[in-house]
Amino acid sequence: MERLDAVEERMAHLIRAVEDLSDVVAGQAREIDRLTRIVQLLAEREAEREAMGLGSAEANVPPPHW
């Protein structure tokens, strides 16, 4: 009986750990989605700037060491 109690206790701890990790993964997925939207927005803004000729000419010049 003592062995069964020990197994049940370990299983309860493992279930809790899996739930905690699931919460972490879900939070990371939300953060990745948020950051992806920000990167897309910034890329669109930069494309608009370049299309309007507002991008700096220096940005397209390679550094002197190239």
N, C-alpha and C. Protein backbone atom coordinates (compact mmCIF):
# COMPACT_ATOMS: atom_id res chain seq x y z
N MET A 1 0.82 -1.19 0.00
CA MET A 1 0.00 0.00 0.00
C MET A 1 0.87 1.27 0.00
N GLU A 2 1.96 1.22 0.74
CA GLU A 2 2.86 2.38 0.81
C GLU A 2 3.46 2.68 -0.56
N ARG A 3 3.77 1.62 -1.30
CA ARG A 3 4.35 1.80 -2.63
C ARG A 3 3.33 2.45 -3.57
N LEU A 4 2.09 2.02 -3.48
CA LEU A 4 1.04 2.61 -4.30
C LEU A 4 0.85 4.09 -3.97
N ASP A 5 0.89 4.43 -2.72
CA ASP A 5 0.78 5.84 -2.31
C ASP A 5 1.92 6.67 -2.89
N ALA A 6 3.12 6.11 -2.87
CA ALA A 6 4.28 6.82 -3.41
C ALA A 6 4.12 7.05 -4.91
N VAL A 7 3.62 6.04 -5.62
CA VAL A 7 3.40 6.16 -7.07
C VAL A 7 2.33 7.21 -7.35
N GLU A 8 1.25 7.19 -6.58
CA GLU A 8 0.18 8.17 -6.77
C GLU A 8 0.68 9.58 -6.50
N GLU A 9 1.52 9.73 -5.49
CA GLU A 9 2.07 11.05 -5.17
C GLU A 9 2.97 11.55 -6.30
N ARG A 10 3.81 10.67 -6.80
CA ARG A 10 4.69 11.07 -7.91
C ARG A 10 3.88 11.42 -9.14
N MET A 11 2.83 10.64 -9.39
CA MET A 11 1.97 10.90 -10.55
C MET A 11 1.29 12.26 -10.41
N ALA A 12 0.85 12.60 -9.22
CA ALA A 12 0.21 13.89 -8.99
C ALA A 12 1.20 15.03 -9.26
N HIS A 13 2.44 14.84 -8.82
CA HIS A 13 3.46 15.87 -9.08
C HIS A 13 3.74 15.99 -10.58
N LEU A 14 3.79 14.86 -11.27
CA LEU A 14 4.03 14.89 -12.71
C LEU A 14 2.87 15.56 -13.46
N ILE A 15 1.65 15.27 -13.04
CA ILE A 15 0.49 15.91 -13.67
C ILE A 15 0.56 17.42 -13.48
N ARG A 16 0.90 17.85 -12.29
CA ARG A 16 1.03 19.29 -12.01
C ARG A 16 2.13 19.92 -12.86
N ALA A 17 3.26 19.21 -12.99
CA ALA A 17 4.37 19.73 -13.80
C ALA A 17 3.95 19.86 -15.26
N VAL A 18 3.22 18.88 -15.78
CA VAL A 18 2.75 18.93 -17.17
C VAL A 18 1.79 20.11 -17.36
N GLU A 19 0.90 20.32 -16.41
CA GLU A 19 -0.03 21.45 -16.50
C GLU A 19 0.72 22.78 -16.47
N ASP A 20 1.71 22.88 -15.60
CA ASP A 20 2.51 24.11 -15.53
C ASP A 20 3.25 24.36 -16.84
N LEU A 21 3.84 23.31 -17.39
CA LEU A 21 4.56 23.45 -18.66
C LEU A 21 3.61 23.80 -19.80
N SER A 22 2.42 23.25 -19.76
CA SER A 22 1.42 23.57 -20.77
C SER A 22 1.07 25.06 -20.72
N ASP A 23 0.92 25.59 -19.51
CA ASP A 23 0.64 27.02 -19.35
C ASP A 23 1.79 27.87 -19.91
N VAL A 24 3.01 27.45 -19.67
CA VAL A 24 4.18 28.18 -20.16
C VAL A 24 4.19 28.17 -21.69
N VAL A 25 3.95 27.01 -22.27
CA VAL A 25 3.96 26.89 -23.73
C VAL A 25 2.85 27.74 -24.34
N ALA A 26 1.68 27.74 -23.73
CA ALA A 26 0.57 28.56 -24.23
C ALA A 26 0.94 30.05 -24.17
N GLY A 27 1.57 30.46 -23.08
CA GLY A 27 2.00 31.86 -22.97
C GLY A 27 3.04 32.22 -24.01
N GLN A 28 3.95 31.30 -24.26
CA GLN A 28 4.97 31.55 -25.28
C GLN A 28 4.34 31.65 -26.66
N ALA A 29 3.35 30.82 -26.93
CA ALA A 29 2.67 30.88 -28.23
C ALA A 29 1.98 32.23 -28.42
N ARG A 30 1.34 32.72 -27.35
CA ARG A 30 0.71 34.05 -27.45
C ARG A 30 1.75 35.13 -27.70
N GLU A 31 2.88 35.05 -27.01
CA GLU A 31 3.94 36.05 -27.18
C GLU A 31 4.53 35.98 -28.59
N ILE A 32 4.72 34.79 -29.11
CA ILE A 32 5.23 34.64 -30.48
C ILE A 32 4.25 35.24 -31.47
N ASP A 33 2.96 34.99 -31.28
CA ASP A 33 1.95 35.58 -32.17
C ASP A 33 1.99 37.10 -32.12
N ARG A 34 2.12 37.64 -30.91
CA ARG A 34 2.17 39.10 -30.75
C ARG A 34 3.41 39.68 -31.44
N LEU A 35 4.54 39.05 -31.23
CA LEU A 35 5.78 39.54 -31.83
C LEU A 35 5.76 39.39 -33.35
N THR A 36 5.14 38.32 -33.84
CA THR A 36 5.02 38.13 -35.28
C THR A 36 4.19 39.25 -35.90
N ARG A 37 3.09 39.62 -35.24
CA ARG A 37 2.27 40.73 -35.75
C ARG A 37 3.07 42.04 -35.76
N ILE A 38 3.86 42.27 -34.73
CA ILE A 38 4.67 43.49 -34.68
C ILE A 38 5.69 43.51 -35.80
N VAL A 39 6.36 42.40 -36.04
CA VAL A 39 7.36 42.33 -37.10
C VAL A 39 6.70 42.56 -38.46
N GLN A 40 5.52 41.96 -38.67
CA GLN A 40 4.81 42.17 -39.93
C GLN A 40 4.44 43.64 -40.11
N LEU A 41 3.97 44.27 -39.05
CA LEU A 41 3.61 45.68 -39.12
C LEU A 41 4.83 46.53 -39.45
N LEU A 42 5.94 46.26 -38.79
CA LEU A 42 7.16 47.03 -39.06
C LEU A 42 7.66 46.80 -40.49
N ALA A 43 7.56 45.57 -40.98
CA ALA A 43 7.98 45.28 -42.35
C ALA A 43 7.09 46.03 -43.35
N GLU A 44 5.79 46.07 -43.08
CA GLU A 44 4.88 46.80 -43.97
C GLU A 44 5.20 48.30 -43.95
N ARG A 45 5.45 48.84 -42.76
CA ARG A 45 5.79 50.27 -42.67
C ARG A 45 7.07 50.56 -43.45
N GLU A 46 8.06 49.71 -43.30
CA GLU A 46 9.33 49.94 -44.00
C GLU A 46 9.14 49.83 -45.51
N ALA A 47 8.33 48.87 -45.96
CA ALA A 47 8.06 48.74 -47.39
C ALA A 47 7.36 49.99 -47.92
N GLU A 48 6.44 50.54 -47.15
CA GLU A 48 5.76 51.78 -47.56
C GLU A 48 6.75 52.93 -47.64
N ARG A 49 7.63 53.03 -46.64
CA ARG A 49 8.64 54.10 -46.65
C ARG A 49 9.54 53.99 -47.88
N GLU A 50 9.97 52.78 -48.17
CA GLU A 50 10.83 52.59 -49.34
C GLU A 50 10.08 52.91 -50.63
N ALA A 51 8.80 52.53 -50.71
CA ALA A 51 8.01 52.80 -51.91
C ALA A 51 7.81 54.30 -52.11
N MET A 52 7.74 55.03 -50.99
CA MET A 52 7.55 56.48 -51.09
C MET A 52 8.87 57.22 -51.23
N GLY A 53 9.96 56.50 -51.24
CA GLY A 53 11.26 57.13 -51.37
C GLY A 53 11.75 57.78 -50.10
N LEU A 54 11.20 57.38 -48.96
CA LEU A 54 11.60 57.98 -47.70
C LEU A 54 12.74 57.25 -47.02
N GLY A 55 13.12 56.10 -47.53
CA GLY A 55 14.23 55.36 -46.95
C GLY A 55 15.53 56.11 -47.18
N SER A 56 16.43 56.05 -46.25
CA SER A 56 17.68 56.78 -46.42
C SER A 56 18.57 56.07 -47.43
N ALA A 57 19.26 56.82 -48.22
CA ALA A 57 20.16 56.26 -49.23
C ALA A 57 21.32 55.53 -48.57
N GLU A 58 21.72 56.01 -47.40
CA GLU A 58 22.84 55.37 -46.70
C GLU A 58 22.50 53.95 -46.26
N ALA A 59 21.23 53.66 -46.09
CA ALA A 59 20.84 52.34 -45.62
C ALA A 59 21.15 51.26 -46.64
N ASN A 60 21.23 51.62 -47.92
CA ASN A 60 21.48 50.64 -48.96
C ASN A 60 22.94 50.57 -49.38
N VAL A 61 23.80 51.34 -48.75
CA VAL A 61 25.22 51.35 -49.08
C VAL A 61 25.95 50.39 -48.15
N PRO A 62 26.74 49.46 -48.72
CA PRO A 62 27.47 48.55 -47.84
C PRO A 62 28.52 49.30 -47.02
N PRO A 63 28.84 48.79 -45.86
CA PRO A 63 29.87 49.45 -45.04
C PRO A 63 31.21 49.44 -45.75
N PRO A 64 32.12 50.35 -45.38
CA PRO A 64 33.40 50.48 -46.08
C PRO A 64 34.26 49.23 -46.04
N HIS A 65 34.11 48.40 -45.04
CA HIS A 65 34.96 47.22 -44.95
C HIS A 65 34.53 46.08 -45.88
N TRP A 66 33.48 46.26 -46.67
CA TRP A 66 33.04 45.22 -47.59
C TRP A 66 33.74 45.35 -48.89
